Amino acid sequence: MTYCIINCTTANEEEAKKIAKHLIEKKLIACATIMPKVNSIYVWNNQLNEDTESLMIMKTKTELYSKTEEEIKKLHSYEVPEIICIPILTGSKEYLNWIEEETT
């Protein structure tokens, strides 16, 4: 079994919590760590933007990435949300077992 971390920024903490709870209830992720205020600087529609967002760091099985991405897009307020999958190369056996038990 392989595992991954999915990063996703949201417009605010409330949106992040809503998405995280939905994904946990569907057993698509084991955990979401939410950093309520991060500063993002980016170009959108040829304009430089600087916004305060919330960052979700979600832990799951790699095989659940596609379903998780689909569910995030259903609930997300952004036209093009940041949804990035990062493989977990190694980790504590106990923690990885917990991810396995908490996801479908």
PDB file of N, CA and C in Angstrom:
ATOM      1  N   MET A   1       0.854  -1.176   0.000  1.00  0.00           N
ATOM      2  CA  MET A   1       0.000   0.000   0.000  1.00  0.00           C
ATOM      3  C   MET A   1       0.893   1.230   0.000  1.00  0.00           C
ATOM      4  N   THR A   2       0.475   2.237  -0.760  1.00  0.00           N
ATOM      5  CA  THR A   2       1.206   3.505  -0.759  1.00  0.00           C
ATOM      6  C   THR A   2       0.299   4.613  -0.234  1.00  0.00           C
ATOM      7  N   TYR A   3       0.935   5.617   0.345  1.00  0.00           N
ATOM      8  CA  TYR A   3       0.211   6.704   0.998  1.00  0.00           C
ATOM      9  C   TYR A   3       0.696   8.031   0.454  1.00  0.00           C
ATOM     10  N   CYS A   4      -0.119   9.071   0.660  1.00  0.00           N
ATOM     11  CA  CYS A   4       0.253  10.390   0.159  1.00  0.00           C
ATOM     12  C   CYS A   4      -0.319  11.483   1.046  1.00  0.00           C
ATOM     13  N   ILE A   5       0.193  12.680   0.822  1.00  0.00           N
ATOM     14  CA  ILE A   5      -0.309  13.900   1.443  1.00  0.00           C
ATOM     15  C   ILE A   5      -0.916  14.726   0.315  1.00  0.00           C
ATOM     16  N   ILE A   6      -2.104  15.244   0.541  1.00  0.00           N
ATOM     17  CA  ILE A   6      -2.740  16.124  -0.428  1.00  0.00           C
ATOM     18  C   ILE A   6      -2.806  17.520   0.181  1.00  0.00           C
ATOM     19  N   ASN A   7      -2.217  18.490  -0.502  1.00  0.00           N
ATOM     20  CA  ASN A   7      -2.295  19.885  -0.073  1.00  0.00           C
ATOM     21  C   ASN A   7      -3.389  20.572  -0.869  1.00  0.00           C
ATOM     22  N   CYS A   8      -4.146  21.412  -0.185  1.00  0.00           N
ATOM     23  CA  CYS A   8      -5.209  22.165  -0.842  1.00  0.00           C
ATOM     24  C   CYS A   8      -5.423  23.463  -0.077  1.00  0.00           C
ATOM     25  N   THR A   9      -5.345  24.586  -0.793  1.00  0.00           N
ATOM     26  CA  THR A   9      -5.664  25.866  -0.167  1.00  0.00           C
ATOM     27  C   THR A   9      -7.140  26.177  -0.395  1.00  0.00           C
ATOM     28  N   THR A  10      -7.716  26.908   0.551  1.00  0.00           N
ATOM     29  CA  THR A  10      -9.120  27.307   0.472  1.00  0.00           C
ATOM     30  C   THR A  10      -9.234  28.795   0.788  1.00  0.00           C
ATOM     31  N   ALA A  11     -10.392  29.348   0.512  1.00  0.00           N
ATOM     32  CA  ALA A  11     -10.612  30.779   0.732  1.00  0.00           C
ATOM     33  C   ALA A  11     -10.549  31.161   2.206  1.00  0.00           C
ATOM     34  N   ASN A  12     -10.938  30.223   3.089  1.00  0.00           N
ATOM     35  CA  ASN A  12     -10.953  30.524   4.520  1.00  0.00           C
ATOM     36  C   ASN A  12     -11.019  29.232   5.330  1.00  0.00           C
ATOM     37  N   GLU A  13     -10.926  29.389   6.639  1.00  0.00           N
ATOM     38  CA  GLU A  13     -10.911  28.234   7.540  1.00  0.00           C
ATOM     39  C   GLU A  13     -12.228  27.468   7.503  1.00  0.00           C
ATOM     40  N   GLU A  14     -13.340  28.165   7.398  1.00  0.00           N
ATOM     41  CA  GLU A  14     -14.646  27.506   7.379  1.00  0.00           C
ATOM     42  C   GLU A  14     -14.771  26.577   6.176  1.00  0.00           C
ATOM     43  N   GLU A  15     -14.319  27.042   5.007  1.00  0.00           N
ATOM     44  CA  GLU A  15     -14.371  26.198   3.814  1.00  0.00           C
ATOM     45  C   GLU A  15     -13.470  24.976   3.983  1.00  0.00           C
ATOM     46  N   ALA A  16     -12.297  25.173   4.548  1.00  0.00           N
ATOM     47  CA  ALA A  16     -11.374  24.061   4.782  1.00  0.00           C
ATOM     48  C   ALA A  16     -12.003  23.019   5.705  1.00  0.00           C
ATOM     49  N   LYS A  17     -12.625  23.464   6.787  1.00  0.00           N
ATOM     50  CA  LYS A  17     -13.263  22.533   7.730  1.00  0.00           C
ATOM     51  C   LYS A  17     -14.404  21.780   7.067  1.00  0.00           C
ATOM     52  N   LYS A  18     -15.211  22.484   6.269  1.00  0.00           N
ATOM     53  CA  LYS A  18     -16.324  21.851   5.578  1.00  0.00           C
ATOM     54  C   LYS A  18     -15.824  20.733   4.654  1.00  0.00           C
ATOM     55  N   ILE A  19     -14.807  21.030   3.866  1.00  0.00           N
ATOM     56  CA  ILE A  19     -14.257  20.043   2.940  1.00  0.00           C
ATOM     57  C   ILE A  19     -13.627  18.886   3.715  1.00  0.00           C
ATOM     58  N   ALA A  20     -12.838  19.198   4.740  1.00  0.00           N
ATOM     59  CA  ALA A  20     -12.159  18.156   5.519  1.00  0.00           C
ATOM     60  C   ALA A  20     -13.155  17.208   6.176  1.00  0.00           C
ATOM     61  N   LYS A  21     -14.189  17.743   6.802  1.00  0.00           N
ATOM     62  CA  LYS A  21     -15.184  16.888   7.454  1.00  0.00           C
ATOM     63  C   LYS A  21     -15.889  16.000   6.448  1.00  0.00           C
ATOM     64  N   HIS A  22     -16.211  16.541   5.280  1.00  0.00           N
ATOM     65  CA  HIS A  22     -16.867  15.759   4.229  1.00  0.00           C
ATOM     66  C   HIS A  22     -15.971  14.591   3.796  1.00  0.00           C
ATOM     67  N   LEU A  23     -14.686  14.871   3.585  1.00  0.00           N
ATOM     68  CA  LEU A  23     -13.763  13.825   3.141  1.00  0.00           C
ATOM     69  C   LEU A  23     -13.544  12.761   4.205  1.00  0.00           C
ATOM     70  N   ILE A  24     -13.493  13.173   5.457  1.00  0.00           N
ATOM     71  CA  ILE A  24     -13.329  12.207   6.552  1.00  0.00           C
ATOM     72  C   ILE A  24     -14.576  11.343   6.685  1.00  0.00           C
ATOM     73  N   GLU A  25     -15.760  11.956   6.596  1.00  0.00           N
ATOM     74  CA  GLU A  25     -17.005  11.189   6.681  1.00  0.00           C
ATOM     75  C   GLU A  25     -17.115  10.169   5.552  1.00  0.00           C
ATOM     76  N   LYS A  26     -16.586  10.496   4.373  1.00  0.00           N
ATOM     77  CA  LYS A  26     -16.605   9.577   3.235  1.00  0.00           C
ATOM     78  C   LYS A  26     -15.441   8.580   3.305  1.00  0.00           C
ATOM     79  N   LYS A  27     -14.601   8.706   4.339  1.00  0.00           N
ATOM     80  CA  LYS A  27     -13.442   7.843   4.560  1.00  0.00           C
ATOM     81  C   LYS A  27     -12.427   7.919   3.421  1.00  0.00           C
ATOM     82  N   LEU A  28     -12.359   9.100   2.786  1.00  0.00           N
ATOM     83  CA  LEU A  28     -11.383   9.309   1.724  1.00  0.00           C
ATOM     84  C   LEU A  28     -10.039   9.779   2.266  1.00  0.00           C
ATOM     85  N   ILE A  29     -10.053  10.413   3.425  1.00  0.00           N
ATOM     86  CA  ILE A  29      -8.813  10.822   4.090  1.00  0.00           C
ATOM     87  C   ILE A  29      -8.889  10.393   5.550  1.00  0.00           C
ATOM     88  N   ALA A  30      -7.728  10.199   6.148  1.00  0.00           N
ATOM     89  CA  ALA A  30      -7.687   9.835   7.573  1.00  0.00           C
ATOM     90  C   ALA A  30      -7.633  11.078   8.448  1.00  0.00           C
ATOM     91  N   CYS A  31      -7.049  12.142   7.918  1.00  0.00           N
ATOM     92  CA  CYS A  31      -6.806  13.325   8.733  1.00  0.00           C
ATOM     93  C   CYS A  31      -6.618  14.535   7.841  1.00  0.00           C
ATOM     94  N   ALA A  32      -7.029  15.693   8.337  1.00  0.00           N
ATOM     95  CA  ALA A  32      -6.725  16.959   7.671  1.00  0.00           C
ATOM     96  C   ALA A  32      -6.191  17.916   8.730  1.00  0.00           C
ATOM     97  N   THR A  33      -5.001  18.373   8.534  1.00  0.00           N
ATOM     98  CA  THR A  33      -4.423  19.408   9.378  1.00  0.00           C
ATOM     99  C   THR A  33      -4.692  20.730   8.668  1.00  0.00           C
ATOM    100  N   ILE A  34      -5.315  21.667   9.376  1.00  0.00           N
ATOM    101  CA  ILE A  34      -5.685  22.935   8.757  1.00  0.00           C
ATOM    102  C   ILE A  34      -4.858  24.061   9.363  1.00  0.00           C
ATOM    103  N   MET A  35      -4.147  24.742   8.495  1.00  0.00           N
ATOM    104  CA  MET A  35      -3.413  25.939   8.886  1.00  0.00           C
ATOM    105  C   MET A  35      -4.314  27.095   8.480  1.00  0.00           C
ATOM    106  N   PRO A  36      -4.958  27.761   9.448  1.00  0.00           N
ATOM    107  CA  PRO A  36      -6.024  28.709   9.127  1.00  0.00           C
ATOM    108  C   PRO A  36      -5.605  29.949   8.359  1.00  0.00           C
ATOM    109  N   LYS A  37      -4.379  30.385   8.493  1.00  0.00           N
ATOM    110  CA  LYS A  37      -3.970  31.612   7.797  1.00  0.00           C
ATOM    111  C   LYS A  37      -2.579  31.446   7.210  1.00  0.00           C
ATOM    112  N   VAL A  38      -2.545  31.350   5.880  1.00  0.00           N
ATOM    113  CA  VAL A  38      -1.282  31.368   5.151  1.00  0.00           C
ATOM    114  C   VAL A  38      -1.379  32.481   4.110  1.00  0.00           C
ATOM    115  N   ASN A  39      -0.248  33.078   3.792  1.00  0.00           N
ATOM    116  CA  ASN A  39      -0.229  34.133   2.781  1.00  0.00           C
ATOM    117  C   ASN A  39       0.179  33.523   1.447  1.00  0.00           C
ATOM    118  N   SER A  40      -0.627  33.771   0.427  1.00  0.00           N
ATOM    119  CA  SER A  40      -0.346  33.267  -0.918  1.00  0.00           C
ATOM    120  C   SER A  40      -0.164  34.436  -1.869  1.00  0.00           C
ATOM    121  N   ILE A  41       0.889  34.350  -2.662  1.00  0.00           N
ATOM    122  CA  ILE A  41       1.165  35.348  -3.688  1.00  0.00           C
ATOM    123  C   ILE A  41       1.217  34.601  -5.009  1.00  0.00           C
ATOM    124  N   TYR A  42       0.424  35.043  -5.979  1.00  0.00           N
ATOM    125  CA  TYR A  42       0.289  34.303  -7.235  1.00  0.00           C
ATOM    126  C   TYR A  42      -0.241  35.216  -8.337  1.00  0.00           C
ATOM    127  N   VAL A  43      -0.135  34.767  -9.561  1.00  0.00           N
ATOM    128  CA  VAL A  43      -0.695  35.488 -10.700  1.00  0.00           C
ATOM    129  C   VAL A  43      -1.956  34.757 -11.146  1.00  0.00           C
ATOM    130  N   TRP A  44      -3.044  35.516 -11.291  1.00  0.00           N
ATOM    131  CA  TRP A  44      -4.312  34.984 -11.795  1.00  0.00           C
ATOM    132  C   TRP A  44      -4.901  36.023 -12.734  1.00  0.00           C
ATOM    133  N   ASN A  45      -5.288  35.598 -13.923  1.00  0.00           N
ATOM    134  CA  ASN A  45      -5.813  36.510 -14.945  1.00  0.00           C
ATOM    135  C   ASN A  45      -4.863  37.689 -15.197  1.00  0.00           C
ATOM    136  N   ASN A  46      -3.576  37.359 -15.294  1.00  0.00           N
ATOM    137  CA  ASN A  46      -2.525  38.345 -15.591  1.00  0.00           C
ATOM    138  C   ASN A  46      -2.370  39.423 -14.530  1.00  0.00           C
ATOM    139  N   GLN A  47      -2.846  39.162 -13.324  1.00  0.00           N
ATOM    140  CA  GLN A  47      -2.689  40.135 -12.236  1.00  0.00           C
ATOM    141  C   GLN A  47      -2.019  39.472 -11.043  1.00  0.00           C
ATOM    142  N   LEU A  48      -1.105  40.206 -10.436  1.00  0.00           N
ATOM    143  CA  LEU A  48      -0.443  39.742  -9.230  1.00  0.00           C
ATOM    144  C   LEU A  48      -1.408  39.892  -8.057  1.00  0.00           C
ATOM    145  N   ASN A  49      -1.596  38.800  -7.322  1.00  0.00           N
ATOM    146  CA  ASN A  49      -2.510  38.789  -6.177  1.00  0.00           C
ATOM    147  C   ASN A  49      -1.764  38.384  -4.919  1.00  0.00           C
ATOM    148  N   GLU A  50      -2.241  38.898  -3.805  1.00  0.00           N
ATOM    149  CA  GLU A  50      -1.750  38.473  -2.494  1.00  0.00           C
ATOM    150  C   GLU A  50      -2.977  38.301  -1.615  1.00  0.00           C
ATOM    151  N   ASP A  51      -3.182  37.062  -1.138  1.00  0.00           N
ATOM    152  CA  ASP A  51      -4.365  36.745  -0.347  1.00  0.00           C
ATOM    153  C   ASP A  51      -4.002  35.946   0.886  1.00  0.00           C
ATOM    154  N   THR A  52      -4.866  36.019   1.877  1.00  0.00           N
ATOM    155  CA  THR A  52      -4.793  35.132   3.028  1.00  0.00           C
ATOM    156  C   THR A  52      -5.731  33.963   2.744  1.00  0.00           C
ATOM    157  N   GLU A  53      -5.209  32.763   2.861  1.00  0.00           N
ATOM    158  CA  GLU A  53      -5.983  31.550   2.617  1.00  0.00           C
ATOM    159  C   GLU A  53      -5.780  30.599   3.791  1.00  0.00           C
ATOM    160  N   SER A  54      -6.471  29.470   3.734  1.00  0.00           N
ATOM    161  CA  SER A  54      -6.231  28.375   4.670  1.00  0.00           C
ATOM    162  C   SER A  54      -5.642  27.214   3.887  1.00  0.00           C
ATOM    163  N   LEU A  55      -4.752  26.475   4.528  1.00  0.00           N
ATOM    164  CA  LEU A  55      -4.095  25.340   3.892  1.00  0.00           C
ATOM    165  C   LEU A  55      -4.504  24.056   4.596  1.00  0.00           C
ATOM    166  N   MET A  56      -5.001  23.103   3.814  1.00  0.00           N
ATOM    167  CA  MET A  56      -5.304  21.769   4.337  1.00  0.00           C
ATOM    168  C   MET A  56      -4.175  20.833   3.936  1.00  0.00           C
ATOM    169  N   ILE A  57      -3.702  20.057   4.895  1.00  0.00           N
ATOM    170  CA  ILE A  57      -2.706  19.023   4.656  1.00  0.00           C
ATOM    171  C   ILE A  57      -3.388  17.711   5.027  1.00  0.00           C
ATOM    172  N   MET A  58      -3.727  16.913   4.003  1.00  0.00           N
ATOM    173  CA  MET A  58      -4.538  15.711   4.208  1.00  0.00           C
ATOM    174  C   MET A  58      -3.720  14.447   3.977  1.00  0.00           C
ATOM    175  N   LYS A  59      -3.972  13.443   4.801  1.00  0.00           N
ATOM    176  CA  LYS A  59      -3.254  12.191   4.695  1.00  0.00           C
ATOM    177  C   LYS A  59      -4.216  11.089   4.250  1.00  0.00           C
ATOM    178  N   THR A  60      -3.774  10.296   3.237  1.00  0.00           N
ATOM    179  CA  THR A  60      -4.642   9.259   2.686  1.00  0.00           C
ATOM    180  C   THR A  60      -3.831   8.201   1.951  1.00  0.00           C
ATOM    181  N   LYS A  61      -4.543   7.247   1.361  1.00  0.00           N
ATOM    182  CA  LYS A  61      -3.931   6.253   0.483  1.00  0.00           C
ATOM    183  C   LYS A  61      -3.846   6.844  -0.921  1.00  0.00           C
ATOM    184  N   THR A  62      -2.775   6.557  -1.617  1.00  0.00           N
ATOM    185  CA  THR A  62      -2.589   7.066  -2.972  1.00  0.00           C
ATOM    186  C   THR A  62      -3.749   6.658  -3.878  1.00  0.00           C
ATOM    187  N   GLU A  63      -4.258   5.467  -3.715  1.00  0.00           N
ATOM    188  CA  GLU A  63      -5.352   4.979  -4.570  1.00  0.00           C
ATOM    189  C   GLU A  63      -6.636   5.788  -4.414  1.00  0.00           C
ATOM    190  N   LEU A  64      -6.755   6.572  -3.343  1.00  0.00           N
ATOM    191  CA  LEU A  64      -7.953   7.386  -3.114  1.00  0.00           C
ATOM    192  C   LEU A  64      -7.807   8.809  -3.639  1.00  0.00           C
ATOM    193  N   TYR A  65      -6.656   9.131  -4.237  1.00  0.00           N
ATOM    194  CA  TYR A  65      -6.434  10.504  -4.688  1.00  0.00           C
ATOM    195  C   TYR A  65      -7.507  10.981  -5.661  1.00  0.00           C
ATOM    196  N   SER A  66      -7.796  10.230  -6.692  1.00  0.00           N
ATOM    197  CA  SER A  66      -8.741  10.691  -7.728  1.00  0.00           C
ATOM    198  C   SER A  66     -10.122  10.978  -7.155  1.00  0.00           C
ATOM    199  N   LYS A  67     -10.614  10.081  -6.302  1.00  0.00           N
ATOM    200  CA  LYS A  67     -11.925  10.301  -5.670  1.00  0.00           C
ATOM    201  C   LYS A  67     -11.884  11.520  -4.755  1.00  0.00           C
ATOM    202  N   THR A  68     -10.789  11.674  -4.036  1.00  0.00           N
ATOM    203  CA  THR A  68     -10.641  12.816  -3.134  1.00  0.00           C
ATOM    204  C   THR A  68     -10.627  14.118  -3.928  1.00  0.00           C
ATOM    205  N   GLU A  69      -9.875  14.159  -5.008  1.00  0.00           N
ATOM    206  CA  GLU A  69      -9.834  15.350  -5.855  1.00  0.00           C
ATOM    207  C   GLU A  69     -11.231  15.693  -6.375  1.00  0.00           C
ATOM    208  N   GLU A  70     -11.951  14.693  -6.818  1.00  0.00           N
ATOM    209  CA  GLU A  70     -13.310  14.905  -7.339  1.00  0.00           C
ATOM    210  C   GLU A  70     -14.229  15.518  -6.277  1.00  0.00           C
ATOM    211  N   GLU A  71     -14.157  15.004  -5.058  1.00  0.00           N
ATOM    212  CA  GLU A  71     -14.999  15.519  -3.969  1.00  0.00           C
ATOM    213  C   GLU A  71     -14.599  16.933  -3.573  1.00  0.00           C
ATOM    214  N   ILE A  72     -13.300  17.212  -3.554  1.00  0.00           N
ATOM    215  CA  ILE A  72     -12.845  18.570  -3.235  1.00  0.00           C
ATOM    216  C   ILE A  72     -13.416  19.555  -4.247  1.00  0.00           C
ATOM    217  N   LYS A  73     -13.335  19.216  -5.521  1.00  0.00           N
ATOM    218  CA  LYS A  73     -13.809  20.113  -6.578  1.00  0.00           C
ATOM    219  C   LYS A  73     -15.313  20.384  -6.470  1.00  0.00           C
ATOM    220  N   LYS A  74     -16.075  19.424  -5.978  1.00  0.00           N
ATOM    221  CA  LYS A  74     -17.520  19.614  -5.809  1.00  0.00           C
ATOM    222  C   LYS A  74     -17.827  20.688  -4.771  1.00  0.00           C
ATOM    223  N   LEU A  75     -16.990  20.792  -3.741  1.00  0.00           N
ATOM    224  CA  LEU A  75     -17.259  21.682  -2.608  1.00  0.00           C
ATOM    225  C   LEU A  75     -16.456  22.979  -2.629  1.00  0.00           C
ATOM    226  N   HIS A  76     -15.417  23.044  -3.424  1.00  0.00           N
ATOM    227  CA  HIS A  76     -14.471  24.159  -3.395  1.00  0.00           C
ATOM    228  C   HIS A  76     -15.034  25.386  -4.099  1.00  0.00           C
ATOM    229  N   SER A  77     -14.735  26.556  -3.564  1.00  0.00           N
ATOM    230  CA  SER A  77     -15.238  27.812  -4.140  1.00  0.00           C
ATOM    231  C   SER A  77     -14.368  28.345  -5.287  1.00  0.00           C
ATOM    232  N   TYR A  78     -13.149  27.844  -5.433  1.00  0.00           N
ATOM    233  CA  TYR A  78     -12.249  28.362  -6.470  1.00  0.00           C
ATOM    234  C   TYR A  78     -12.541  27.715  -7.821  1.00  0.00           C
ATOM    235  N   GLU A  79     -12.326  28.494  -8.869  1.00  0.00           N
ATOM    236  CA  GLU A  79     -12.446  27.979 -10.234  1.00  0.00           C
ATOM    237  C   GLU A  79     -11.381  26.915 -10.500  1.00  0.00           C
ATOM    238  N   VAL A  80     -10.164  27.158 -10.033  1.00  0.00           N
ATOM    239  CA  VAL A  80      -9.053  26.213 -10.190  1.00  0.00           C
ATOM    240  C   VAL A  80      -8.380  26.054  -8.831  1.00  0.00           C
ATOM    241  N   PRO A  81      -8.883  25.137  -8.000  1.00  0.00           N
ATOM    242  CA  PRO A  81      -8.277  24.980  -6.671  1.00  0.00           C
ATOM    243  C   PRO A  81      -6.915  24.277  -6.737  1.00  0.00           C
ATOM    244  N   GLU A  82      -6.060  24.648  -5.806  1.00  0.00           N
ATOM    245  CA  GLU A  82      -4.788  23.935  -5.645  1.00  0.00           C
ATOM    246  C   GLU A  82      -5.106  22.590  -5.011  1.00  0.00           C
ATOM    247  N   ILE A  83      -4.804  21.520  -5.718  1.00  0.00           N
ATOM    248  CA  ILE A  83      -4.940  20.160  -5.188  1.00  0.00           C
ATOM    249  C   ILE A  83      -3.690  19.420  -5.651  1.00  0.00           C
ATOM    250  N   ILE A  84      -2.776  19.196  -4.725  1.00  0.00           N
ATOM    251  CA  ILE A  84      -1.479  18.616  -5.055  1.00  0.00           C
ATOM    252  C   ILE A  84      -1.241  17.370  -4.219  1.00  0.00           C
ATOM    253  N   CYS A  85      -0.833  16.299  -4.892  1.00  0.00           N
ATOM    254  CA  CYS A  85      -0.561  15.027  -4.220  1.00  0.00           C
ATOM    255  C   CYS A  85       0.948  14.832  -4.085  1.00  0.00           C
ATOM    256  N   ILE A  86       1.383  14.567  -2.863  1.00  0.00           N
ATOM    257  CA  ILE A  86       2.801  14.351  -2.567  1.00  0.00           C
ATOM    258  C   ILE A  86       2.951  12.942  -1.979  1.00  0.00           C
ATOM    259  N   PRO A  87       3.750  12.088  -2.604  1.00  0.00           N
ATOM    260  CA  PRO A  87       3.899  10.730  -2.063  1.00  0.00           C
ATOM    261  C   PRO A  87       4.602  10.732  -0.705  1.00  0.00           C
ATOM    262  N   ILE A  88       4.162   9.845   0.156  1.00  0.00           N
ATOM    263  CA  ILE A  88       4.854   9.598   1.427  1.00  0.00           C
ATOM    264  C   ILE A  88       5.817   8.448   1.152  1.00  0.00           C
ATOM    265  N   LEU A  89       7.099   8.732   1.193  1.00  0.00           N
ATOM    266  CA  LEU A  89       8.087   7.711   0.871  1.00  0.00           C
ATOM    267  C   LEU A  89       8.252   6.703   1.997  1.00  0.00           C
ATOM    268  N   THR A  90       8.167   7.198   3.214  1.00  0.00           N
ATOM    269  CA  THR A  90       8.257   6.324   4.375  1.00  0.00           C
ATOM    270  C   THR A  90       7.636   7.050   5.552  1.00  0.00           C
ATOM    271  N   GLY A  91       7.319   6.313   6.581  1.00  0.00           N
ATOM    272  CA  GLY A  91       6.717   6.898   7.773  1.00  0.00           C
ATOM    273  C   GLY A  91       6.614   5.862   8.865  1.00  0.00           C
ATOM    274  N   SER A  92       6.178   6.312  10.019  1.00  0.00           N
ATOM    275  CA  SER A  92       6.005   5.398  11.140  1.00  0.00           C
ATOM    276  C   SER A  92       4.980   4.327  10.773  1.00  0.00           C
ATOM    277  N   LYS A  93       5.324   3.088  11.007  1.00  0.00           N
ATOM    278  CA  LYS A  93       4.440   1.968  10.673  1.00  0.00           C
ATOM    279  C   LYS A  93       3.084   2.136  11.346  1.00  0.00           C
ATOM    280  N   GLU A  94       3.085   2.569  12.598  1.00  0.00           N
ATOM    281  CA  GLU A  94       1.843   2.734  13.342  1.00  0.00           C
ATOM    282  C   GLU A  94       0.956   3.818  12.710  1.00  0.00           C
ATOM    283  N   TYR A  95       1.574   4.916  12.287  1.00  0.00           N
ATOM    284  CA  TYR A  95       0.799   6.006  11.674  1.00  0.00           C
ATOM    285  C   TYR A  95       0.240   5.577  10.325  1.00  0.00           C
ATOM    286  N   LEU A  96       1.054   4.932   9.505  1.00  0.00           N
ATOM    287  CA  LEU A  96       0.579   4.459   8.207  1.00  0.00           C
ATOM    288  C   LEU A  96      -0.517   3.415   8.370  1.00  0.00           C
ATOM    289  N   ASN A  97      -0.413   2.559   9.376  1.00  0.00           N
ATOM    290  CA  ASN A  97      -1.473   1.590   9.664  1.00  0.00           C
ATOM    291  C   ASN A  97      -2.766   2.318  10.046  1.00  0.00           C
ATOM    292  N   TRP A  98      -2.651   3.409  10.794  1.00  0.00           N
ATOM    293  CA  TRP A  98      -3.831   4.183  11.184  1.00  0.00           C
ATOM    294  C   TRP A  98      -4.505   4.778   9.941  1.00  0.00           C
ATOM    295  N   ILE A  99      -3.709   5.331   9.010  1.00  0.00           N
ATOM    296  CA  ILE A  99      -4.274   5.840   7.763  1.00  0.00           C
ATOM    297  C   ILE A  99      -5.041   4.715   7.049  1.00  0.00           C
ATOM    298  N   GLU A 100      -4.439   3.561   6.998  1.00  0.00           N
ATOM    299  CA  GLU A 100      -5.059   2.391   6.352  1.00  0.00           C
ATOM    300  C   GLU A 100      -6.411   2.058   6.993  1.00  0.00           C
ATOM    301  N   GLU A 101      -6.460   2.065   8.314  1.00  0.00           N
ATOM    302  CA  GLU A 101      -7.684   1.708   9.037  1.00  0.00           C
ATOM    303  C   GLU A 101      -8.786   2.757   8.885  1.00  0.00           C
ATOM    304  N   GLU A 102      -8.433   4.021   8.742  1.00  0.00           N
ATOM    305  CA  GLU A 102      -9.414   5.098   8.720  1.00  0.00           C
ATOM    306  C   GLU A 102      -9.942   5.439   7.335  1.00  0.00           C
ATOM    307  N   THR A 103      -9.376   4.844   6.296  1.00  0.00           N
ATOM    308  CA  THR A 103      -9.826   5.133   4.935  1.00  0.00           C
ATOM    309  C   THR A 103     -10.380   3.877   4.291  1.00  0.00           C
ATOM    310  N   THR A 104     -11.192   4.095   3.228  1.00  0.00           N
ATOM    311  CA  THR A 104     -11.815   2.930   2.569  1.00  0.00           C
ATOM    312  C   THR A 104     -10.859   2.214   1.663  1.00  0.00           C
TER     313      THR A 104
END
